[in-house]
Protein backbone atom coordinates (compact mmCIF):
# COMPACT_ATOMS: atom_id res chain seq x y z
CA MET A 1 -30.98 -34.47 18.73
CA GLY A 2 -28.37 -37.17 18.98
CA ARG A 3 -24.88 -36.97 20.34
CA GLU A 4 -23.41 -37.10 16.81
CA ASP A 5 -25.45 -34.05 15.75
CA ARG A 6 -24.30 -32.07 18.80
CA ASP A 7 -20.67 -33.01 18.15
CA ALA A 8 -20.99 -32.04 14.49
CA ARG A 9 -22.53 -28.66 15.40
CA ARG A 10 -19.85 -28.04 18.03
CA LYS A 11 -17.13 -28.84 15.47
CA VAL A 12 -18.67 -26.43 12.94
CA SER A 13 -18.99 -23.63 15.52
CA GLU A 14 -15.36 -24.16 16.62
CA ASP A 15 -14.23 -23.97 12.99
CA VAL A 16 -16.23 -20.77 12.43
CA ALA A 17 -14.82 -19.23 15.62
CA GLU A 18 -11.27 -20.10 14.51
CA VAL A 19 -11.79 -18.50 11.09
CA CYS A 20 -13.31 -15.38 12.67
CA CYS A 21 -10.43 -15.04 15.14
CA SER A 22 -7.80 -15.42 12.43
CA ASP A 23 -9.63 -12.91 10.22
CA LEU A 24 -9.85 -10.41 13.08
CA ALA A 25 -6.17 -10.87 13.84
CA HIS A 26 -5.35 -10.28 10.16
CA ARG A 27 -7.48 -7.12 10.09
CA ALA A 28 -5.94 -5.84 13.31
CA GLU A 29 -2.45 -6.34 11.86
CA ARG A 30 -3.44 -4.47 8.66
CA TYR A 31 -4.86 -1.57 10.68
CA ARG A 32 -1.76 -1.48 12.88
CA ARG A 33 0.44 -1.30 9.78
CA ARG A 34 -1.68 1.52 8.34
CA LEU A 35 -1.23 3.50 11.51
CA VAL A 36 2.52 2.80 11.60
CA LEU A 37 2.86 3.88 7.98
CA GLY A 38 0.87 7.07 8.57
CA LEU A 39 -2.28 6.03 6.70
CA SER A 40 -5.75 6.71 8.05
CA LEU A 41 -8.08 3.85 8.79
CA PRO A 42 -11.02 3.19 6.41
CA TRP A 43 -13.73 4.36 8.80
CA GLN A 44 -11.90 7.63 9.47
CA ASN A 45 -12.54 8.75 5.88
CA GLY A 46 -16.02 7.34 5.48
CA HIS A 47 -14.81 5.37 2.45
CA SER A 48 -12.86 2.15 2.49
CA CYS A 49 -11.28 2.87 -0.90
CA THR A 50 -9.74 6.24 -0.04
CA PHE A 51 -6.57 6.54 2.01
CA THR A 52 -5.02 9.80 3.06
CA ARG A 53 -1.68 10.29 4.70
CA VAL A 54 -1.56 11.54 8.23
CA PRO A 55 1.22 14.12 8.53
CA SER A 56 4.21 12.82 10.42
CA VAL A 57 6.92 14.77 12.18
CA SER A 58 9.79 12.36 11.66
CA PRO A 59 10.63 9.58 9.21
CA ILE A 60 8.94 6.30 10.00
CA ALA A 61 11.14 3.77 11.76
CA PRO A 62 10.40 0.18 10.80
CA GLU A 63 9.35 -1.99 13.71
CA SER A 64 9.47 -5.50 12.31
CA THR A 65 11.16 -7.65 9.72
CA ASP A 66 7.84 -8.03 7.89
CA GLU A 67 7.78 -4.30 7.21
CA PHE A 68 11.28 -4.45 5.73
CA VAL A 69 10.24 -7.39 3.57
CA ALA A 70 7.12 -5.56 2.32
CA VAL A 71 9.03 -2.38 1.41
CA PHE A 72 12.07 -3.97 -0.17
CA GLY A 73 9.90 -6.56 -1.90
CA ALA A 74 7.94 -3.69 -3.46
CA LEU A 75 11.22 -2.07 -4.56
CA SER A 76 12.48 -5.30 -6.15
CA GLU A 77 10.55 -4.83 -9.40
CA PRO A 78 12.00 -2.33 -11.92
CA ILE A 79 8.58 -1.16 -13.15
CA ARG A 80 7.59 -0.22 -9.58
CA VAL A 81 10.83 1.74 -9.19
CA GLU A 82 9.96 3.55 -12.43
CA MET A 83 6.52 4.36 -11.00
CA LEU A 84 8.14 5.82 -7.89
CA ARG A 85 10.53 7.85 -10.04
CA LEU A 86 7.56 9.30 -11.95
CA MET A 87 5.91 10.22 -8.65
CA VAL A 88 9.07 11.92 -7.35
CA HIS A 89 9.30 14.08 -10.47
CA SER A 90 5.59 14.90 -10.74
CA ASP A 91 4.19 18.13 -9.38
CA GLY A 92 1.96 16.91 -6.54
CA ASP A 93 -0.27 13.95 -7.27
CA LEU A 94 0.33 11.73 -10.28
CA PRO A 95 -2.92 10.85 -12.12
CA CYS A 96 -3.55 7.23 -13.08
CA THR A 97 -4.08 8.29 -16.69
CA HIS A 98 -0.46 9.44 -16.87
CA LEU A 99 0.79 6.00 -15.87
CA ASP A 100 -1.46 4.43 -18.51
CA THR A 101 0.12 6.51 -21.28
CA VAL A 102 3.74 6.39 -20.07
CA LEU A 103 4.29 2.80 -18.96
CA PRO A 104 4.50 -0.03 -21.52
CA ILE A 105 2.23 -2.37 -19.52
CA ALA A 106 -1.50 -3.08 -19.32
CA LYS A 107 -3.81 -1.15 -16.98
CA SER A 108 -4.47 -4.26 -14.92
CA THR A 109 -0.72 -4.74 -14.41
CA ILE A 110 -0.37 -1.09 -13.36
CA SER A 111 -3.16 -1.62 -10.85
CA TYR A 112 -1.41 -4.72 -9.49
CA HIS A 113 1.88 -2.85 -8.99
CA ILE A 114 0.10 0.16 -7.42
CA GLN A 115 -1.57 -2.18 -4.94
CA ILE A 116 1.82 -3.61 -3.90
CA LEU A 117 3.32 -0.13 -3.46
CA ARG A 118 0.29 1.00 -1.45
CA ARG A 119 0.34 -2.06 0.81
CA ALA A 120 4.02 -1.45 1.50
CA GLY A 121 3.15 2.11 2.50
CA LEU A 122 5.30 3.70 -0.19
CA ILE A 123 2.45 5.59 -1.87
CA SER A 124 -0.92 7.02 -0.96
CA VAL A 125 -3.92 6.70 -3.24
CA ARG A 126 -6.62 9.34 -3.54
CA LYS A 127 -9.80 8.99 -5.54
CA ALA A 128 -11.43 12.05 -7.03
CA GLY A 129 -14.50 11.31 -9.11
CA ARG A 130 -13.61 8.46 -11.43
CA ASN A 131 -9.86 9.07 -11.34
CA TYR A 132 -7.18 7.91 -8.94
CA PHE A 133 -4.18 10.00 -7.97
CA TYR A 134 -0.97 8.63 -6.52
CA GLU A 135 1.54 10.38 -4.29
CA LEU A 136 4.86 9.13 -2.99
CA CYS A 137 5.09 8.81 0.81
CA GLU A 138 8.57 10.27 1.01
CA GLU A 139 8.73 9.96 4.80
CA THR A 140 8.28 6.19 4.60
CA LEU A 141 10.86 5.73 1.86
CA GLU A 142 13.28 8.02 3.68
CA GLY A 143 12.84 5.95 6.84
CA TYR A 144 13.89 2.78 5.04
CA SER A 145 16.44 4.04 2.54
CA PRO A 146 17.27 7.76 2.35
CA GLU A 147 19.97 7.13 -0.26
CA PHE A 148 17.48 5.45 -2.58
CA LEU A 149 15.07 8.38 -2.31
CA GLU A 150 17.92 10.77 -3.11
CA HIS A 151 18.86 8.59 -6.09
CA LEU A 152 15.26 8.81 -7.39
CA ARG A 153 15.40 12.60 -7.08
CA ARG A 154 18.73 12.84 -8.93
CA THR A 155 17.83 10.57 -11.85
CA GLU A 156 15.53 11.88 -14.51
CA ALA A 157 12.31 10.23 -15.45
CA PRO A 158 12.69 9.85 -19.22
CA ALA A 159 8.94 9.40 -19.68
CA LEU A 160 8.24 12.91 -18.38
CA ALA A 161 10.71 14.54 -20.76
CA ALA A 162 8.57 13.60 -23.78
C-alpha cells in the first residue's frame, strides 16, 4: 500500500466521520426540540411515525430564536392557519379525511403543511390503523402567542358549519 492510498483512505474516513458527527448533531437538536415542545421521542413509543404529547404543567417558553422562527414561519401561511382553526373547533382529534374534504388543496399539499406544523410543535399527529389524527398543541401556541390562540377560538371555522 502506497502513501497515496493511505492518504486517500484517511481523507475518506475523515469525510465520513465529519458527516456522521454533523448528522448526530442534527438528530440531537431534533430530539432536544421534541422534548422542549413536549413530544415524546421515537423510541419511547416503539414507532418512529407516532408522536404523542407529554402533558405539561405550564405553557412552553421558547428558548431560542430558531424556535420562534419555526413557529411563526408555520403561522405565516393562511392555509396552515385555517388548519389550526379547524383543529381548535373540532371535538378532540381531527381526522385527516376531514381535511381532505374541507380544504381546497391536494392531499400531498395537506401533508406538506401538516409536516411543517408538526415540526414547529404546533400539532401532534397520531396514527390509528390507516388513518392519521391531528390535535392542536394549545400549550405551545399559548406559549408563543396567547392572543392568536384566543383569536382562533373566537373566529368560526366556516368549513365546519357546512
